[in-house]
Amino acid sequence: MAVAEKLYSDIEIIEILSNYHWMIKEVKRIDYLLDNTDQSLTAQYGIEATMPKPKGLTSDAMTNEIIRRDKKLNRKVRMLRKIEFVQNSLHLITDEREKVVLDCLLDGMSINAIANHMGLSRRHIHRLRDSIVCKMSHMSHK
């Protein structure tokens, strides 16, 4: 799915890297849910149909489900943009230590866990992450 590139700030890129692992899982979950429709939605009949509805809400169950699915689809598209941004930026990271840090971040590891894994200080991991973010940010702004 080709989506338009968006400009991301350094802080947004750090957030994207931190959230990458669960965004992948969430996109898969949304795909599954949108592919499997629930046929149990029915309109209300009898006294329920005549009762006043809360302001701003649609009374039709099917319409509500369509709105909910549309919001879910929009969330999926936003996450896909971020995932594609990271995937399109991977080639920018050429330093081996930066590659390991990036892989660990994308796998959902914390800075502390990465520091323990690599035998480096947290401060050094932060510097490596900041270098990765800088390279990705420059690509984002080109």
C-alpha atoms as a PDB file:
ATOM      1  CA  MET A   1       0.000   0.000   0.000  1.00  0.00           C
ATOM      2  CA  ALA A   2       1.716   3.169  -1.162  1.00  0.00           C
ATOM      3  CA  VAL A   3       0.935   6.114   1.054  1.00  0.00           C
ATOM      4  CA  ALA A   4       2.216   9.676   0.939  1.00  0.00           C
ATOM      5  CA  GLU A   5       5.359  10.418   2.937  1.00  0.00           C
ATOM      6  CA  LYS A   6       4.823  12.610   5.984  1.00  0.00           C
ATOM      7  CA  LEU A   7       7.371  14.807   7.695  1.00  0.00           C
ATOM      8  CA  TYR A   8       8.103  13.632  11.216  1.00  0.00           C
ATOM      9  CA  SER A   9       9.890  15.499  14.001  1.00  0.00           C
ATOM     10  CA  ASP A  10      12.685  13.840  15.980  1.00  0.00           C
ATOM     11  CA  ILE A  11      10.323  13.281  18.913  1.00  0.00           C
ATOM     12  CA  GLU A  12       7.731  11.673  16.625  1.00  0.00           C
ATOM     13  CA  ILE A  13      10.396   9.388  15.139  1.00  0.00           C
ATOM     14  CA  ILE A  14      11.485   8.266  18.624  1.00  0.00           C
ATOM     15  CA  GLU A  15       7.831   7.504  19.402  1.00  0.00           C
ATOM     16  CA  ILE A  16       7.393   5.607  16.120  1.00  0.00           C
ATOM     17  CA  LEU A  17      10.487   3.491  16.834  1.00  0.00           C
ATOM     18  CA  SER A  18       9.229   2.745  20.354  1.00  0.00           C
ATOM     19  CA  ASN A  19       5.755   1.786  19.136  1.00  0.00           C
ATOM     20  CA  TYR A  20       6.743  -0.067  15.958  1.00  0.00           C
ATOM     21  CA  HIS A  21       6.474  -3.583  17.405  1.00  0.00           C
ATOM     22  CA  TRP A  22       2.904  -3.214  18.652  1.00  0.00           C
ATOM     23  CA  MET A  23       1.780  -1.210  15.594  1.00  0.00           C
ATOM     24  CA  ILE A  24       2.663  -4.235  13.429  1.00  0.00           C
ATOM     25  CA  LYS A  25       0.536  -6.448  15.669  1.00  0.00           C
ATOM     26  CA  GLU A  26      -2.326  -3.933  15.701  1.00  0.00           C
ATOM     27  CA  VAL A  27      -2.387  -3.659  11.892  1.00  0.00           C
ATOM     28  CA  LYS A  28      -2.647  -7.463  11.660  1.00  0.00           C
ATOM     29  CA  ARG A  29      -5.436  -7.469  14.268  1.00  0.00           C
ATOM     30  CA  ILE A  30      -7.388  -4.749  12.458  1.00  0.00           C
ATOM     31  CA  ASP A  31      -6.980  -6.588   9.146  1.00  0.00           C
ATOM     32  CA  TYR A  32      -8.393  -9.729  10.738  1.00  0.00           C
ATOM     33  CA  LEU A  33     -11.324  -7.878  12.331  1.00  0.00           C
ATOM     34  CA  LEU A  34     -12.213  -5.986   9.170  1.00  0.00           C
ATOM     35  CA  ASP A  35     -12.094  -9.178   7.117  1.00  0.00           C
ATOM     36  CA  ASN A  36     -14.388 -11.064   9.503  1.00  0.00           C
ATOM     37  CA  THR A  37     -17.741  -9.350   9.747  1.00  0.00           C
ATOM     38  CA  ASP A  38     -20.187 -10.045  12.530  1.00  0.00           C
ATOM     39  CA  GLN A  39     -23.668 -10.792  11.229  1.00  0.00           C
ATOM     40  CA  SER A  40     -25.405 -10.377  14.596  1.00  0.00           C
ATOM     41  CA  LEU A  41     -26.269  -6.693  14.108  1.00  0.00           C
ATOM     42  CA  THR A  42     -30.017  -6.097  14.009  1.00  0.00           C
ATOM     43  CA  ALA A  43     -32.236  -3.057  14.141  1.00  0.00           C
ATOM     44  CA  GLN A  44     -34.260  -2.414  17.263  1.00  0.00           C
ATOM     45  CA  TYR A  45     -37.965  -3.157  17.267  1.00  0.00           C
ATOM     46  CA  GLY A  46     -40.792  -2.521  19.665  1.00  0.00           C
ATOM     47  CA  ILE A  47     -40.421  -0.209  22.644  1.00  0.00           C
ATOM     48  CA  GLU A  48     -36.623   0.057  22.220  1.00  0.00           C
ATOM     49  CA  ALA A  49     -37.104   1.624  18.802  1.00  0.00           C
ATOM     50  CA  THR A  50     -39.328   4.390  20.204  1.00  0.00           C
ATOM     51  CA  MET A  51     -37.168   5.285  23.201  1.00  0.00           C
ATOM     52  CA  PRO A  52     -35.162   8.529  23.007  1.00  0.00           C
ATOM     53  CA  LYS A  53     -31.512   8.104  22.091  1.00  0.00           C
ATOM     54  CA  PRO A  54     -28.571   9.952  23.652  1.00  0.00           C
ATOM     55  CA  LYS A  55     -27.777  13.177  21.805  1.00  0.00           C
ATOM     56  CA  GLY A  56     -25.183  12.810  19.067  1.00  0.00           C
ATOM     57  CA  LEU A  57     -25.510   9.038  18.754  1.00  0.00           C
ATOM     58  CA  THR A  58     -26.988   7.144  15.846  1.00  0.00           C
ATOM     59  CA  SER A  59     -29.673   4.650  16.816  1.00  0.00           C
ATOM     60  CA  ASP A  60     -29.030   2.221  13.968  1.00  0.00           C
ATOM     61  CA  ALA A  61     -26.669  -0.560  15.059  1.00  0.00           C
ATOM     62  CA  MET A  62     -25.426  -1.131  11.523  1.00  0.00           C
ATOM     63  CA  THR A  63     -24.589   2.553  11.046  1.00  0.00           C
ATOM     64  CA  ASN A  64     -22.736   2.600  14.362  1.00  0.00           C
ATOM     65  CA  GLU A  65     -20.726  -0.445  13.317  1.00  0.00           C
ATOM     66  CA  ILE A  66     -19.837   1.155   9.972  1.00  0.00           C
ATOM     67  CA  ILE A  67     -18.636   4.294  11.767  1.00  0.00           C
ATOM     68  CA  ARG A  68     -16.592   2.198  14.202  1.00  0.00           C
ATOM     69  CA  ARG A  69     -15.007   0.194  11.375  1.00  0.00           C
ATOM     70  CA  ASP A  70     -14.222   3.377   9.442  1.00  0.00           C
ATOM     71  CA  LYS A  71     -12.399   4.804  12.459  1.00  0.00           C
ATOM     72  CA  LYS A  72     -10.506   1.537  12.807  1.00  0.00           C
ATOM     73  CA  LEU A  73      -9.531   1.639   9.123  1.00  0.00           C
ATOM     74  CA  ASN A  74      -8.298   5.238   9.494  1.00  0.00           C
ATOM     75  CA  ARG A  75      -6.197   4.219  12.509  1.00  0.00           C
ATOM     76  CA  LYS A  76      -4.733   1.366  10.468  1.00  0.00           C
ATOM     77  CA  VAL A  77      -3.802   3.749   7.627  1.00  0.00           C
ATOM     78  CA  ARG A  78      -2.067   6.127  10.080  1.00  0.00           C
ATOM     79  CA  MET A  79      -0.073   3.239  11.538  1.00  0.00           C
ATOM     80  CA  LEU A  80       0.833   1.927   8.078  1.00  0.00           C
ATOM     81  CA  ARG A  81       2.269   5.334   7.171  1.00  0.00           C
ATOM     82  CA  LYS A  82       4.523   5.207  10.207  1.00  0.00           C
ATOM     83  CA  ILE A  83       5.538   1.587   9.566  1.00  0.00           C
ATOM     84  CA  GLU A  84       6.368   2.364   5.939  1.00  0.00           C
ATOM     85  CA  PHE A  85       8.383   5.403   7.013  1.00  0.00           C
ATOM     86  CA  VAL A  86      10.573   3.183   9.204  1.00  0.00           C
ATOM     87  CA  GLN A  87      10.867   0.471   6.571  1.00  0.00           C
ATOM     88  CA  ASN A  88      11.808   3.031   3.894  1.00  0.00           C
ATOM     89  CA  SER A  89      14.477   4.471   6.229  1.00  0.00           C
ATOM     90  CA  LEU A  90      16.241   1.229   7.155  1.00  0.00           C
ATOM     91  CA  HIS A  91      18.818   1.580   4.368  1.00  0.00           C
ATOM     92  CA  LEU A  92      20.086   4.834   5.932  1.00  0.00           C
ATOM     93  CA  ILE A  93      21.489   3.007   8.950  1.00  0.00           C
ATOM     94  CA  THR A  94      24.909   1.631   7.987  1.00  0.00           C
ATOM     95  CA  ASP A  95      26.803   1.505  11.315  1.00  0.00           C
ATOM     96  CA  GLU A  96      26.651  -1.994  12.834  1.00  0.00           C
ATOM     97  CA  ARG A  97      25.972  -0.779  16.378  1.00  0.00           C
ATOM     98  CA  GLU A  98      23.200   1.480  15.130  1.00  0.00           C
ATOM     99  CA  LYS A  99      21.708  -1.442  13.198  1.00  0.00           C
ATOM    100  CA  VAL A 100      21.632  -3.566  16.351  1.00  0.00           C
ATOM    101  CA  VAL A 101      20.064  -0.754  18.385  1.00  0.00           C
ATOM    102  CA  LEU A 102      17.468  -0.158  15.664  1.00  0.00           C
ATOM    103  CA  ASP A 103      16.624  -3.870  15.436  1.00  0.00           C
ATOM    104  CA  CYS A 104      16.240  -4.058  19.206  1.00  0.00           C
ATOM    105  CA  LEU A 105      14.017  -0.959  19.277  1.00  0.00           C
ATOM    106  CA  LEU A 106      11.840  -2.350  16.494  1.00  0.00           C
ATOM    107  CA  ASP A 107      11.572  -5.623  18.414  1.00  0.00           C
ATOM    108  CA  GLY A 108      10.167  -3.685  21.371  1.00  0.00           C
ATOM    109  CA  MET A 109      13.184  -3.702  23.677  1.00  0.00           C
ATOM    110  CA  SER A 110      13.648  -0.845  26.146  1.00  0.00           C
ATOM    111  CA  ILE A 111      16.778   1.309  26.303  1.00  0.00           C
ATOM    112  CA  ASN A 112      17.795  -0.499  29.519  1.00  0.00           C
ATOM    113  CA  ALA A 113      17.327  -3.912  27.921  1.00  0.00           C
ATOM    114  CA  ILE A 114      19.346  -2.863  24.867  1.00  0.00           C
ATOM    115  CA  ALA A 115      22.140  -1.494  27.085  1.00  0.00           C
ATOM    116  CA  ASN A 116      22.266  -4.783  29.004  1.00  0.00           C
ATOM    117  CA  HIS A 117      22.145  -6.794  25.775  1.00  0.00           C
ATOM    118  CA  MET A 118      24.989  -4.857  24.137  1.00  0.00           C
ATOM    119  CA  GLY A 119      27.052  -4.270  27.272  1.00  0.00           C
ATOM    120  CA  LEU A 120      26.953  -0.495  26.759  1.00  0.00           C
ATOM    121  CA  SER A 121      25.755   2.337  28.958  1.00  0.00           C
ATOM    122  CA  ARG A 122      22.241   3.715  28.638  1.00  0.00           C
ATOM    123  CA  ARG A 123      23.752   7.060  27.681  1.00  0.00           C
ATOM    124  CA  HIS A 124      25.641   5.424  24.797  1.00  0.00           C
ATOM    125  CA  ILE A 125      22.443   3.683  23.613  1.00  0.00           C
ATOM    126  CA  HIS A 126      20.645   7.048  23.732  1.00  0.00           C
ATOM    127  CA  ARG A 127      23.400   8.582  21.568  1.00  0.00           C
ATOM    128  CA  LEU A 128      23.146   5.729  19.065  1.00  0.00           C
ATOM    129  CA  ARG A 129      19.344   6.065  18.982  1.00  0.00           C
ATOM    130  CA  ASP A 130      19.646   9.831  18.512  1.00  0.00           C
ATOM    131  CA  SER A 131      22.005   9.257  15.588  1.00  0.00           C
ATOM    132  CA  ILE A 132      19.470   6.870  14.021  1.00  0.00           C
ATOM    133  CA  VAL A 133      16.685   9.405  14.532  1.00  0.00           C
ATOM    134  CA  CYS A 134      18.816  12.173  13.009  1.00  0.00           C
ATOM    135  CA  LYS A 135      19.441  10.110   9.870  1.00  0.00           C
ATOM    136  CA  MET A 136      15.746   9.225   9.559  1.00  0.00           C
ATOM    137  CA  SER A 137      14.730  12.822  10.189  1.00  0.00           C
ATOM    138  CA  HIS A 138      16.953  14.089   7.389  1.00  0.00           C
ATOM    139  CA  MET A 139      15.303  11.637   5.002  1.00  0.00           C
ATOM    140  CA  SER A 140      11.891  12.740   6.218  1.00  0.00           C
ATOM    141  CA  HIS A 141      12.624  16.373   5.398  1.00  0.00           C
ATOM    142  CA  LYS A 142      14.067  15.807   1.913  1.00  0.00           C
END
